[in-house]
Amino acid sequence: MNSLQTNWPVKRWTMLGLSGLLLYILVQVIPSLVHPASSGVGLTTITRANAEERAIAFIQKQFGQEVMTSHAVYQSNKLLTGYLAKEKLTEQYAKDYGDRFPVDAYQVEVTSPRINSAGSQTHYYVYVHMESGAIIAWNRLGALIDEEERLTDHDQAERAVMAFAEQQGFKAAQLEVMPQLEDGSNTIVLQAAGTAIGEAQLQLRVQPVRMPGGAVQILTYKPAFKVPAAYASLVSEQDKLAGAMSMWGYFIMTALLFILSIIYAVLYRQHTSFRRGLIMTALFAIFYILINYNMADGILASFGEDPEAEVNVTMGLIVTSLLTMMLAASVYFALIAGDGLWRQMGYKLWLRFSEEGFGQQVWRSMQQGYLLALMLLGVQTIILLVLQWLLGVWSASDVTQSPYNMSMPWLFPVVAWCAAISEEAVYRLFGIGLLRKWVKNMFIASLIPSIIWAFGHVTYPLYPSSTRLIELTIIGLLFSYILMRFGFMTAVFTHAIFNTIMMCIMLLFLGSAVNIIASLVYLALPLCIAWGLRALHRRLLPG
C-alpha cells in the first residue's frame, strides 16, 4: 500500500482541486451561460410534446390529412454547427438567422393513414423551432397520393417555387435556380444571394406538385445553409480517420484485452477470487442497458428522415444489449485478472470487503476522488486551451448524445459510473497490471492502455480527430498515477465524479425541478455510497 493512500497531503490537494474547479467554471461554464446560443444550453425551449402538437396542427391545416402517429426528436445540422464553430460565427449566425433558420430544431415524424400510390403510408417530417414553436421546414416522403401530379414543365415548376419563396419573405431578384437534382422528386433548389454566413450560402429545397383544379401544393420546404465543399471534405476525412482509429486502436485492442483478461484471471486465480466484482459488474450491466434505451431517440435522430429508422433502432438496441453483456463480461474478468496481477506483484490496489481497513479506504477514496476530480477539470481545461491554440480545435453538434433526445434526462449521469467502473477496470487495473508484468517500465505500462482508452473517444464530434486522442492520453496517464498512488477505488471515484460534474451541469442548464434535484443527488451520491459501505463494513466486521 502506498504511503499517500494513508497519509496524503490534504491541504495541497484541496488547493489544487479548488483551483481546478475555479478554472473550469471561468473558462467552460460561465461562457456557456453568457453565450447560450454558442453552447446550445441555457435556452428556453418548448417540450417535445408541444412540438408534436404544433406539427400535427400544421399537417392537418397544410395538407388536410388525418394524423395517425407523431414522434419528435431533437435534430441538428452537424456540418453547419461545426463550420460556424470553426469560423467563430456561431453568435453572429444566431443573431442574424437563428429565428428563421436555426441549426437546432425538433424533427417531428407524422404518419397519416392515407395510402400513397406505392401502397405505403404517408410520412411527413415537420421541423419546429425549439424556442418559438414556429414551423420552419417540412418534407413529405414517398409517392404521390390521390390525384396529385408532378409539375413536368420545369419552367412552370420554377415559377411556382419562386412564388412560394416570395411568400416566405424572399425577393425573386435574389434567388438563383441551381442545377436540377437527379433524384426524380421534381425538387428545385434555390440559392439566396446576399444571405450567407462566412462562405456558407442559404439554399432552399422546394418540391411542388399540382393538385386537382390546378392549385400548387408544396410537399417540401427545407431551407439550410450549405457549407463550403472544402469544409465538408475536411470533416469527411476527419470522420474516416476517427473511424479507423476507433476500429483498430480501440475495438480490436479492447477485444484483445478481453481475451487476455480471461487467460490471466485463470492463471492468477490463486491470488484473487472469482467472486470479486460480481456486484459491480451486475450494476454496470443493468444500468448500461438502461442507458442505451434512454438514448434511443438520439440514435433515431441520427437516421434523419427514414421511415424504417424506428425498426432499425429497435433491432440495434437488441444487438447493443447483447454487446453490453459481453462488455460486462470483459469488466468482470478485468477486475479479477487485474486484482490477481497486482497482488501477485505485491500490491493491494483494491482491498476486499473482508480485509481490514476496507471501510476506511472507501471513505478516504471518496474524499480523494472529489478533490482529484476537481483538479482534473482544471487540467482538462488547460489541455483544451492549449490544443485550441495549437490545432484550432472546434466542435460540432451530436444528436446521439444530447440530453434533448433522452427519454429520462435525469438518468444521464449514470453514464459517469458505468464509464468509471468499466474503463478503470479494463484499461487501468488490468491494462496497466498486464503491461507492468510485461515491460516493467511503469510509464510505458500506463501509456499504452491510456492510448487504447483514448482511441475509444476519437469519434466524438471534436475536430481535428486527434484532439481527444491527445487530451485523453494525458488524462489517462493522470488516472494511471491516481491508481498507483491512491488505489483502484480512488480511481473509480475520481473518474465517476469527474464525469458526473460535467453531466450534472448539463442537467442544470436544461432546467426543471426534476433535473435540478437529480443533479444534486448525483453530486452527493459518491458521499452516500462511501458512507454506506463504511457503515456496512463496521457493522459486519467490527474491530
Protein backbone atom coordinates (compact mmCIF):
# COMPACT_ATOMS: atom_id res chain seq x y z
CA MET A 1 0.00 0.00 0.00
CA ASN A 2 1.44 3.38 -0.96
CA SER A 3 2.05 5.97 1.73
CA LEU A 4 -0.15 8.58 0.08
CA GLN A 5 -3.11 6.24 0.41
CA THR A 6 -2.97 6.54 4.19
CA ASN A 7 -1.07 9.79 4.62
CA TRP A 8 -1.75 12.17 1.77
CA PRO A 9 -1.32 15.98 1.73
CA VAL A 10 -4.94 17.07 2.09
CA LYS A 11 -4.25 20.80 2.02
CA ARG A 12 -2.22 20.60 -1.18
CA TRP A 13 -4.84 18.53 -2.99
CA THR A 14 -7.62 20.79 -1.68
CA MET A 15 -5.89 23.84 -3.15
CA LEU A 16 -5.30 22.04 -6.45
CA GLY A 17 -8.91 20.87 -6.52
CA LEU A 18 -10.38 24.31 -5.82
CA SER A 19 -8.04 25.87 -8.40
CA GLY A 20 -9.15 23.32 -10.98
CA LEU A 21 -12.81 23.96 -10.25
CA LEU A 22 -12.36 27.73 -10.50
CA LEU A 23 -10.59 27.43 -13.84
CA TYR A 24 -13.26 25.09 -15.18
CA ILE A 25 -16.06 27.45 -14.13
CA LEU A 26 -14.36 30.54 -15.55
CA VAL A 27 -13.37 29.03 -18.88
CA GLN A 28 -16.12 26.49 -19.63
CA VAL A 29 -19.22 27.09 -17.51
CA ILE A 30 -19.59 30.87 -17.44
CA PRO A 31 -19.11 31.33 -21.22
CA SER A 32 -21.90 28.80 -21.78
CA LEU A 33 -24.21 30.86 -19.57
CA VAL A 34 -23.22 34.16 -21.16
CA HIS A 35 -23.48 32.84 -24.73
CA PRO A 36 -26.17 30.14 -24.70
CA ALA A 37 -26.52 30.23 -28.49
CA SER A 38 -22.94 29.02 -28.94
CA SER A 39 -23.19 26.30 -26.31
CA GLY A 40 -26.69 25.02 -27.02
CA VAL A 41 -27.56 25.18 -23.32
CA GLY A 42 -29.45 27.59 -21.15
CA LEU A 43 -32.12 28.20 -23.80
CA THR A 44 -35.84 28.27 -23.02
CA THR A 45 -37.31 25.54 -25.19
CA ILE A 46 -40.74 24.12 -25.78
CA THR A 47 -41.33 20.49 -24.90
CA ARG A 48 -41.22 17.68 -27.42
CA ALA A 49 -44.90 17.04 -26.73
CA ASN A 50 -45.67 20.64 -27.62
CA ALA A 51 -43.61 20.31 -30.81
CA GLU A 52 -45.69 17.28 -31.79
CA GLU A 53 -48.93 19.20 -31.22
CA ARG A 54 -47.75 22.03 -33.47
CA ALA A 55 -46.58 19.63 -36.16
CA ILE A 56 -49.92 17.79 -36.15
CA ALA A 57 -51.85 21.05 -36.44
CA PHE A 58 -49.64 22.07 -39.36
CA ILE A 59 -50.17 18.81 -41.26
CA GLN A 60 -53.92 19.00 -40.75
CA LYS A 61 -54.06 22.59 -41.96
CA GLN A 62 -51.44 22.46 -44.73
CA PHE A 63 -52.30 19.08 -46.23
CA GLY A 64 -55.75 18.34 -44.83
CA GLN A 65 -54.53 14.95 -43.65
CA GLU A 66 -55.59 12.85 -40.71
CA VAL A 67 -52.78 12.00 -38.33
CA MET A 68 -52.16 8.51 -37.05
CA THR A 69 -48.87 8.86 -35.10
CA SER A 70 -46.31 11.51 -34.27
CA HIS A 71 -42.88 11.42 -32.68
CA ALA A 72 -40.47 14.28 -32.01
CA VAL A 73 -36.70 14.11 -31.68
CA TYR A 74 -34.03 16.77 -31.35
CA GLN A 75 -32.29 17.31 -34.68
CA SER A 76 -29.24 19.39 -35.53
CA ASN A 77 -27.22 20.34 -38.60
CA LYS A 78 -23.86 18.84 -37.60
CA LEU A 79 -21.95 20.18 -40.60
CA LEU A 80 -23.23 23.71 -40.12
CA THR A 81 -22.70 23.82 -36.34
CA GLY A 82 -19.14 22.61 -36.84
CA TYR A 83 -18.44 25.14 -39.58
CA LEU A 84 -19.83 28.00 -37.51
CA ALA A 85 -17.75 26.92 -34.50
CA LYS A 86 -14.57 26.59 -36.58
CA GLU A 87 -15.02 30.02 -38.13
CA LYS A 88 -16.24 31.55 -34.82
CA LEU A 89 -19.54 32.59 -36.41
CA THR A 90 -21.98 30.90 -34.05
CA GLU A 91 -23.07 34.04 -32.20
CA GLN A 92 -23.38 36.00 -35.44
CA TYR A 93 -25.48 33.26 -37.01
CA ALA A 94 -27.80 33.10 -34.00
CA LYS A 95 -28.29 36.85 -34.21
CA ASP A 96 -28.87 37.04 -37.97
CA TYR A 97 -30.60 33.76 -38.79
CA GLY A 98 -31.48 31.95 -35.56
CA ASP A 99 -35.16 32.87 -35.71
CA ARG A 100 -35.83 31.71 -39.27
CA PHE A 101 -33.16 29.07 -39.92
CA PRO A 102 -31.98 27.65 -36.59
CA VAL A 103 -29.27 24.98 -36.64
CA ASP A 104 -31.20 23.02 -33.99
CA ALA A 105 -34.86 22.05 -34.19
CA TYR A 106 -37.37 19.43 -33.23
CA GLN A 107 -37.88 16.95 -36.05
CA VAL A 108 -41.40 15.54 -35.81
CA GLU A 109 -42.28 12.47 -37.84
CA VAL A 110 -46.00 12.43 -38.56
CA THR A 111 -47.68 9.47 -40.22
CA SER A 112 -51.02 9.61 -41.98
CA PRO A 113 -53.31 6.62 -42.56
CA ARG A 114 -53.58 7.76 -46.19
CA ILE A 115 -52.00 5.15 -48.51
CA ASN A 116 -49.98 6.57 -51.39
CA SER A 117 -49.70 5.24 -54.93
CA ALA A 118 -46.85 2.93 -53.89
CA GLY A 119 -49.09 1.23 -51.34
CA SER A 120 -47.40 2.58 -48.20
CA GLN A 121 -48.36 5.03 -45.50
CA THR A 122 -47.57 8.70 -45.95
CA HIS A 123 -44.74 10.08 -43.81
CA TYR A 124 -44.24 13.78 -43.08
CA TYR A 125 -41.26 15.35 -41.34
CA VAL A 126 -42.01 18.70 -39.78
CA TYR A 127 -39.32 20.88 -38.20
CA VAL A 128 -40.35 23.02 -35.25
CA HIS A 129 -38.35 25.90 -33.78
CA MET A 130 -37.24 24.80 -30.31
CA GLU A 131 -37.87 28.21 -28.72
CA SER A 132 -40.70 29.88 -30.62
CA GLY A 133 -42.51 26.74 -31.75
CA ALA A 134 -42.76 28.06 -35.31
CA ILE A 135 -42.80 25.64 -38.26
CA ILE A 136 -39.52 26.25 -40.07
CA ALA A 137 -39.41 23.40 -42.60
CA TRP A 138 -41.21 20.29 -43.74
CA ASN A 139 -40.88 17.36 -46.08
CA ARG A 140 -43.15 14.56 -47.25
CA LEU A 141 -41.58 11.28 -48.27
CA GLY A 142 -42.89 8.63 -50.60
CA ALA A 143 -45.03 8.50 -53.70
CA LEU A 144 -47.85 10.84 -54.64
CA ILE A 145 -51.33 10.40 -53.21
CA ASP A 146 -54.82 10.93 -54.58
CA GLU A 147 -54.80 12.98 -57.76
CA GLU A 148 -51.51 14.80 -57.22
CA GLU A 149 -49.39 15.33 -60.33
CA ARG A 150 -45.75 16.17 -60.84
CA LEU A 151 -45.09 19.51 -62.49
CA THR A 152 -43.30 18.10 -65.53
CA ASP A 153 -42.91 21.52 -67.12
CA HIS A 154 -39.72 22.73 -65.43
CA ASP A 155 -40.39 26.40 -66.19
CA GLN A 156 -43.84 26.16 -64.65
CA ALA A 157 -42.37 24.42 -61.60
CA GLU A 158 -39.77 27.18 -61.23
CA ARG A 159 -42.44 29.88 -61.37
CA ALA A 160 -44.49 28.10 -58.70
CA VAL A 161 -41.45 27.72 -56.47
CA MET A 162 -40.45 31.35 -56.96
CA ALA A 163 -43.94 32.48 -55.99
CA PHE A 164 -43.80 30.33 -52.87
CA ALA A 165 -40.34 31.68 -51.96
CA GLU A 166 -41.65 35.22 -52.19
CA GLN A 167 -44.41 34.27 -49.75
CA GLN A 168 -41.63 33.21 -47.35
CA GLY A 169 -40.10 36.69 -47.49
CA PHE A 170 -37.53 36.29 -50.26
CA LYS A 171 -37.24 38.57 -53.29
CA ALA A 172 -37.24 37.00 -56.73
CA ALA A 173 -34.19 39.04 -57.74
CA GLN A 174 -32.05 37.42 -55.04
CA LEU A 175 -32.97 33.84 -55.92
CA GLU A 176 -30.90 31.74 -58.30
CA VAL A 177 -32.09 28.36 -59.56
CA MET A 178 -29.40 25.76 -59.04
CA PRO A 179 -28.80 22.71 -61.30
CA GLN A 180 -31.74 20.32 -61.20
CA LEU A 181 -31.49 17.37 -58.82
CA GLU A 182 -31.49 13.93 -60.40
CA ASP A 183 -33.47 12.14 -57.69
CA GLY A 184 -36.72 12.13 -59.66
CA SER A 185 -38.55 14.13 -56.97
CA ASN A 186 -39.02 17.30 -59.03
CA THR A 187 -37.37 19.19 -56.14
CA ILE A 188 -35.99 22.59 -57.09
CA VAL A 189 -33.03 24.15 -55.28
CA LEU A 190 -32.81 27.93 -54.99
CA GLN A 191 -29.80 29.82 -53.69
CA ALA A 192 -30.49 33.13 -51.98
CA ALA A 193 -27.95 35.80 -52.89
CA GLY A 194 -26.99 38.12 -50.06
CA THR A 195 -27.95 35.53 -47.47
CA ALA A 196 -24.75 33.95 -46.27
CA ILE A 197 -22.67 33.31 -43.18
CA GLY A 198 -18.98 33.13 -43.92
CA GLU A 199 -18.77 31.08 -47.10
CA ALA A 200 -21.95 29.12 -46.35
CA GLN A 201 -24.81 30.05 -48.67
CA LEU A 202 -28.51 29.69 -47.93
CA GLN A 203 -30.28 27.24 -50.21
CA LEU A 204 -33.98 26.40 -50.35
CA ARG A 205 -35.12 22.92 -51.37
CA VAL A 206 -38.71 23.15 -52.59
CA GLN A 207 -40.85 20.39 -54.13
CA PRO A 208 -44.15 21.45 -55.74
CA VAL A 209 -46.98 19.28 -57.04
CA ARG A 210 -50.20 20.12 -58.86
CA MET A 211 -53.43 19.43 -57.01
CA PRO A 212 -56.85 18.83 -58.57
CA GLY A 213 -58.14 22.09 -60.01
CA GLY A 214 -54.65 23.33 -60.88
CA ALA A 215 -53.56 24.61 -57.45
CA VAL A 216 -49.95 24.05 -56.43
CA GLN A 217 -49.08 22.25 -53.19
CA ILE A 218 -45.60 22.44 -51.62
CA LEU A 219 -44.56 19.00 -50.37
CA THR A 220 -41.05 20.04 -49.36
CA TYR A 221 -39.66 23.26 -47.97
CA LYS A 222 -36.20 22.88 -46.44
CA PRO A 223 -34.04 25.97 -46.08
CA ALA A 224 -30.45 25.30 -44.99
CA PHE A 225 -27.02 26.85 -45.30
CA LYS A 226 -24.69 24.77 -47.44
CA VAL A 227 -21.19 24.75 -46.00
CA PRO A 228 -18.19 25.14 -48.34
CA ALA A 229 -17.18 21.94 -50.13
CA ALA A 230 -13.68 22.21 -48.66
CA TYR A 231 -15.04 22.12 -45.11
CA ALA A 232 -17.40 19.22 -45.86
CA SER A 233 -14.46 17.31 -47.36
CA LEU A 234 -12.28 18.08 -44.34
CA VAL A 235 -14.91 16.76 -41.92
CA SER A 236 -15.44 13.65 -44.05
CA GLU A 237 -11.71 12.90 -43.98
CA GLN A 238 -11.53 13.51 -40.24
CA ASP A 239 -14.52 11.25 -39.60
CA LYS A 240 -12.94 8.46 -41.67
CA LEU A 241 -9.68 8.85 -39.77
CA ALA A 242 -11.54 8.74 -36.45
CA GLY A 243 -13.42 5.64 -37.54
CA ALA A 244 -10.19 3.86 -38.46
CA MET A 245 -8.52 4.85 -35.19
CA SER A 246 -11.54 3.70 -33.22
CA MET A 247 -11.76 0.35 -35.01
CA TRP A 248 -8.09 -0.63 -34.94
CA GLY A 249 -6.90 1.26 -31.91
CA TYR A 250 -9.88 0.72 -29.63
CA PHE A 251 -12.23 -2.10 -30.59
CA ILE A 252 -9.57 -4.57 -31.77
CA MET A 253 -7.22 -3.80 -28.87
CA THR A 254 -10.05 -3.89 -26.31
CA ALA A 255 -11.16 -7.28 -27.65
CA LEU A 256 -7.56 -8.48 -27.24
CA LEU A 257 -7.52 -7.20 -23.65
CA PHE A 258 -10.77 -9.09 -23.02
CA ILE A 259 -9.22 -12.36 -24.19
CA LEU A 260 -6.08 -11.73 -22.15
CA SER A 261 -8.13 -10.89 -19.04
CA ILE A 262 -9.80 -14.32 -19.20
CA ILE A 263 -6.42 -16.02 -19.53
CA TYR A 264 -4.82 -14.07 -16.68
CA ALA A 265 -7.88 -14.46 -14.45
CA VAL A 266 -7.33 -18.21 -14.69
CA LEU A 267 -3.54 -18.02 -14.37
CA TYR A 268 -3.63 -15.84 -11.24
CA ARG A 269 -6.78 -17.24 -9.66
CA GLN A 270 -4.82 -18.22 -6.52
CA HIS A 271 -4.16 -14.53 -5.85
CA THR A 272 -7.75 -13.38 -6.24
CA SER A 273 -11.33 -14.69 -6.26
CA PHE A 274 -13.94 -15.21 -8.96
CA ARG A 275 -16.44 -13.62 -6.57
CA ARG A 276 -14.61 -10.31 -6.95
CA GLY A 277 -16.54 -7.63 -8.79
CA LEU A 278 -19.78 -9.59 -9.22
CA ILE A 279 -21.99 -6.88 -7.73
CA MET A 280 -20.10 -4.10 -9.52
CA THR A 281 -20.37 -5.93 -12.85
CA ALA A 282 -24.09 -6.65 -12.39
CA LEU A 283 -24.84 -3.00 -11.62
CA PHE A 284 -22.78 -1.92 -14.62
CA ALA A 285 -24.70 -4.25 -16.98
CA ILE A 286 -28.14 -3.23 -15.70
CA PHE A 287 -27.52 0.49 -15.83
CA TYR A 288 -25.68 0.38 -19.16
CA ILE A 289 -28.59 -1.40 -20.85
CA LEU A 290 -30.98 1.12 -19.27
CA ILE A 291 -28.83 3.97 -20.57
CA ASN A 292 -28.90 2.54 -24.10
CA TYR A 293 -32.70 2.55 -24.12
CA ASN A 294 -32.73 6.01 -22.58
CA MET A 295 -30.71 7.27 -25.57
CA ALA A 296 -32.80 5.52 -28.22
CA ASP A 297 -34.20 8.77 -29.62
CA GLY A 298 -30.68 10.05 -30.16
CA ILE A 299 -29.95 7.07 -32.37
CA LEU A 300 -33.32 7.58 -34.07
CA ALA A 301 -32.42 11.19 -34.84
CA SER A 302 -29.11 10.12 -36.39
CA PHE A 303 -31.06 8.31 -39.14
CA GLY A 304 -32.61 11.60 -40.25
CA GLU A 305 -35.70 11.22 -42.42
CA ASP A 306 -36.11 7.45 -42.60
CA PRO A 307 -39.49 5.72 -42.11
CA GLU A 308 -37.63 2.50 -41.24
CA ALA A 309 -35.48 4.17 -38.58
CA GLU A 310 -37.59 3.03 -35.64
CA VAL A 311 -37.35 -0.62 -36.68
CA ASN A 312 -33.60 -0.28 -37.18
CA VAL A 313 -33.18 1.34 -33.78
CA THR A 314 -35.17 -1.43 -32.09
CA MET A 315 -33.01 -4.09 -33.70
CA GLY A 316 -29.93 -2.06 -32.85
CA LEU A 317 -30.92 -1.89 -29.19
CA ILE A 318 -31.28 -5.66 -29.05
CA VAL A 319 -27.82 -6.12 -30.54
CA THR A 320 -26.41 -3.42 -28.26
CA SER A 321 -27.86 -5.17 -25.23
CA LEU A 322 -26.08 -8.37 -26.23
CA LEU A 323 -22.84 -6.45 -26.75
CA THR A 324 -23.33 -4.85 -23.34
CA MET A 325 -23.37 -8.29 -21.77
CA MET A 326 -20.05 -9.02 -23.48
CA LEU A 327 -18.70 -5.72 -22.23
CA ALA A 328 -19.87 -6.60 -18.74
CA ALA A 329 -18.02 -9.91 -19.04
CA SER A 330 -14.87 -8.03 -20.01
CA VAL A 331 -15.27 -5.81 -16.95
CA TYR A 332 -15.75 -8.86 -14.72
CA PHE A 333 -12.63 -10.66 -15.94
CA ALA A 334 -10.61 -7.43 -15.93
CA LEU A 335 -11.46 -6.94 -12.26
CA ILE A 336 -10.42 -10.50 -11.38
CA ALA A 337 -7.28 -10.59 -13.53
CA GLY A 338 -6.22 -7.07 -12.57
CA ASP A 339 -6.59 -7.78 -8.87
CA GLY A 340 -4.67 -11.06 -9.25
CA LEU A 341 -1.84 -9.46 -11.22
CA TRP A 342 -1.25 -6.65 -8.74
CA ARG A 343 -1.48 -8.89 -5.69
CA GLN A 344 0.99 -11.31 -7.25
CA MET A 345 3.36 -8.34 -7.68
CA GLY A 346 2.88 -7.39 -4.03
CA TYR A 347 0.36 -4.53 -4.39
CA LYS A 348 -3.09 -4.33 -2.81
CA LEU A 349 -4.65 -1.67 -5.02
CA TRP A 350 -8.17 -2.93 -4.31
CA LEU A 351 -8.99 -4.18 -0.82
CA ARG A 352 -11.56 -6.90 -0.32
CA PHE A 353 -14.60 -6.28 1.85
CA SER A 354 -13.33 -8.90 4.30
CA GLU A 355 -9.92 -7.24 4.64
CA GLU A 356 -9.04 -4.86 7.45
CA GLY A 357 -9.30 -1.22 6.54
CA PHE A 358 -11.78 -1.68 3.66
CA GLY A 359 -14.40 0.70 5.06
CA GLN A 360 -11.88 3.38 5.88
CA GLN A 361 -10.23 3.05 2.47
CA VAL A 362 -13.55 3.53 0.72
CA TRP A 363 -14.24 6.65 2.78
CA ARG A 364 -10.79 8.05 2.09
CA SER A 365 -11.07 7.15 -1.62
CA MET A 366 -14.29 9.16 -1.86
CA GLN A 367 -12.64 12.21 -0.28
CA GLN A 368 -9.67 11.89 -2.57
CA GLY A 369 -11.99 11.36 -5.53
CA TYR A 370 -13.78 14.69 -5.07
CA LEU A 371 -10.56 16.70 -4.82
CA LEU A 372 -8.78 14.86 -7.64
CA ALA A 373 -11.82 15.19 -9.93
CA LEU A 374 -11.90 18.96 -9.39
CA MET A 375 -8.20 19.11 -10.15
CA LEU A 376 -8.70 17.11 -13.37
CA LEU A 377 -11.43 19.53 -14.51
CA GLY A 378 -8.81 22.27 -14.40
CA VAL A 379 -6.20 20.11 -16.11
CA GLN A 380 -8.63 19.21 -18.88
CA THR A 381 -9.47 22.88 -19.35
CA ILE A 382 -5.78 23.75 -19.73
CA ILE A 383 -5.24 20.90 -22.20
CA LEU A 384 -8.17 22.05 -24.35
CA LEU A 385 -6.96 25.66 -24.27
CA VAL A 386 -3.50 24.60 -25.42
CA LEU A 387 -4.93 22.36 -28.15
CA GLN A 388 -7.22 25.17 -29.23
CA TRP A 389 -4.17 27.38 -29.64
CA LEU A 390 -2.06 24.73 -31.37
CA LEU A 391 -4.63 22.90 -33.50
CA GLY A 392 -7.56 25.30 -33.78
CA VAL A 393 -9.94 22.82 -32.15
CA TRP A 394 -13.65 23.10 -32.89
CA SER A 395 -16.71 21.03 -32.06
CA ALA A 396 -19.97 20.12 -33.76
CA SER A 397 -23.37 19.01 -32.50
CA ASP A 398 -24.14 15.37 -31.74
CA VAL A 399 -27.79 14.36 -31.61
CA THR A 400 -26.95 10.88 -30.30
CA GLN A 401 -25.53 12.27 -27.04
CA SER A 402 -27.87 15.21 -26.49
CA PRO A 403 -30.00 15.27 -23.31
CA TYR A 404 -32.79 16.68 -25.50
CA ASN A 405 -33.06 13.20 -27.05
CA MET A 406 -33.18 11.30 -23.77
CA SER A 407 -36.50 9.97 -22.54
CA MET A 408 -35.23 10.46 -18.98
CA PRO A 409 -32.54 13.18 -19.00
CA TRP A 410 -32.15 12.87 -15.23
CA LEU A 411 -30.73 9.37 -15.80
CA PHE A 412 -27.84 10.76 -17.89
CA PRO A 413 -25.22 10.99 -15.09
CA VAL A 414 -25.47 7.24 -14.51
CA VAL A 415 -23.20 7.06 -17.57
CA ALA A 416 -20.47 8.53 -15.36
CA TRP A 417 -20.47 5.49 -13.09
CA CYS A 418 -20.69 2.98 -15.94
CA ALA A 419 -17.70 4.60 -17.64
CA ALA A 420 -15.73 4.82 -14.40
CA ILE A 421 -16.25 1.17 -13.48
CA SER A 422 -15.59 -0.29 -16.92
CA GLU A 423 -12.72 1.94 -18.01
CA GLU A 424 -10.82 1.88 -14.73
CA ALA A 425 -11.20 -1.90 -14.58
CA VAL A 426 -10.20 -2.70 -18.17
CA TYR A 427 -7.60 -0.04 -19.01
CA ARG A 428 -6.15 0.79 -15.62
CA LEU A 429 -6.46 -2.06 -13.11
CA PHE A 430 -5.96 -4.81 -15.69
CA GLY A 431 -4.35 -2.96 -18.60
CA ILE A 432 -1.58 -1.38 -16.56
CA GLY A 433 -1.14 -4.50 -14.46
CA LEU A 434 -0.68 -6.60 -17.59
CA LEU A 435 1.80 -4.22 -19.22
CA ARG A 436 3.64 -3.76 -15.93
CA LYS A 437 4.09 -7.52 -15.88
CA TRP A 438 5.44 -7.50 -19.42
CA VAL A 439 7.61 -4.38 -19.76
CA LYS A 440 8.45 -3.43 -16.14
CA ASN A 441 8.55 0.28 -17.09
CA MET A 442 5.62 1.98 -15.35
CA PHE A 443 5.36 4.87 -17.82
CA ILE A 444 5.11 2.56 -20.84
CA ALA A 445 2.73 0.29 -18.91
CA SER A 446 0.48 3.31 -18.29
CA LEU A 447 0.88 4.93 -21.71
CA ILE A 448 -0.27 2.04 -23.90
CA PRO A 449 -3.63 1.40 -22.12
CA SER A 450 -4.19 5.17 -21.96
CA ILE A 451 -3.79 5.44 -25.73
CA ILE A 452 -6.16 2.50 -26.29
CA TRP A 453 -8.71 4.16 -23.99
CA ALA A 454 -8.29 7.49 -25.78
CA PHE A 455 -8.87 5.82 -29.16
CA GLY A 456 -12.33 4.92 -27.91
CA HIS A 457 -13.31 8.59 -27.77
CA VAL A 458 -11.98 9.92 -31.10
CA THR A 459 -15.34 9.58 -32.88
CA TYR A 460 -16.85 12.33 -30.75
CA PRO A 461 -17.56 15.45 -32.88
CA LEU A 462 -14.45 17.32 -31.72
CA TYR A 463 -12.08 18.26 -34.53
CA PRO A 464 -9.42 17.58 -35.58
CA SER A 465 -9.90 13.94 -34.62
CA SER A 466 -6.52 13.82 -32.89
CA THR A 467 -7.81 16.27 -30.26
CA ARG A 468 -9.41 13.70 -27.98
CA LEU A 469 -6.57 11.28 -28.57
CA ILE A 470 -4.09 13.79 -27.16
CA GLU A 471 -6.39 15.08 -24.43
CA LEU A 472 -7.42 11.69 -23.07
CA THR A 473 -4.00 10.14 -23.34
CA ILE A 474 -2.83 12.81 -20.91
CA ILE A 475 -5.90 12.38 -18.71
CA GLY A 476 -5.39 8.62 -18.87
CA LEU A 477 -1.84 8.97 -17.59
CA LEU A 478 -3.15 11.03 -14.68
CA PHE A 479 -5.73 8.34 -13.89
CA SER A 480 -2.87 5.84 -14.00
CA TYR A 481 -0.98 7.91 -11.46
CA ILE A 482 -4.10 8.03 -9.27
CA LEU A 483 -4.43 4.24 -9.47
CA MET A 484 -0.88 3.66 -8.34
CA ARG A 485 -0.74 6.36 -5.68
CA PHE A 486 -4.23 6.08 -4.20
CA GLY A 487 -5.65 2.74 -5.31
CA PHE A 488 -8.39 1.40 -7.55
CA MET A 489 -11.34 2.74 -5.57
CA THR A 490 -9.93 6.27 -5.65
CA ALA A 491 -9.50 5.98 -9.42
CA VAL A 492 -13.15 4.87 -9.80
CA PHE A 493 -14.46 7.62 -7.51
CA THR A 494 -12.34 10.25 -9.28
CA HIS A 495 -13.45 9.14 -12.73
CA ALA A 496 -17.13 8.96 -11.72
CA ILE A 497 -17.12 12.36 -10.00
CA PHE A 498 -15.16 13.95 -12.88
CA ASN A 499 -17.81 12.84 -15.41
CA THR A 500 -20.72 13.44 -13.02
CA ILE A 501 -19.87 17.12 -12.54
CA MET A 502 -19.87 17.80 -16.29
CA MET A 503 -23.09 15.85 -16.85
CA CYS A 504 -24.88 17.47 -13.91
CA ILE A 505 -24.02 20.91 -15.24
CA MET A 506 -25.74 19.93 -18.48
CA LEU A 507 -28.79 18.85 -16.47
CA LEU A 508 -28.81 22.15 -14.58
CA PHE A 509 -28.75 24.01 -17.88
CA LEU A 510 -31.78 22.03 -19.04
CA GLY A 511 -33.72 23.31 -16.06
CA SER A 512 -36.84 21.85 -14.39
CA ALA A 513 -37.12 20.81 -10.75
CA VAL A 514 -36.54 17.13 -11.57
CA ASN A 515 -33.24 17.77 -13.33
CA ILE A 516 -32.01 20.16 -10.64
CA ILE A 517 -32.85 17.74 -7.82
CA ALA A 518 -31.30 14.84 -9.77
CA SER A 519 -28.09 16.84 -10.25
CA LEU A 520 -27.77 17.48 -6.53
CA VAL A 521 -28.43 13.80 -5.77
CA TYR A 522 -25.78 12.64 -8.24
CA LEU A 523 -23.22 15.10 -6.89
CA ALA A 524 -23.79 13.74 -3.37
CA LEU A 525 -24.01 10.09 -4.48
CA PRO A 526 -20.28 9.26 -4.01
CA LEU A 527 -20.50 10.50 -0.43
CA CYS A 528 -23.59 8.35 0.19
CA ILE A 529 -22.01 5.25 -1.36
CA ALA A 530 -18.81 5.61 0.67
CA TRP A 531 -20.73 6.27 3.91
CA GLY A 532 -22.96 3.25 3.29
CA LEU A 533 -20.09 0.87 2.54
CA ARG A 534 -18.09 2.07 5.53
CA ALA A 535 -21.11 1.67 7.84
CA LEU A 536 -21.84 -1.79 6.44
CA HIS A 537 -18.23 -2.86 6.89
CA ARG A 538 -18.16 -1.63 10.50
CA ARG A 539 -21.39 -3.46 11.24
CA LEU A 540 -20.45 -6.79 9.69
CA LEU A 541 -16.77 -6.74 10.58
CA PRO A 542 -16.44 -4.69 13.78
CA GLY A 543 -12.94 -4.02 15.02
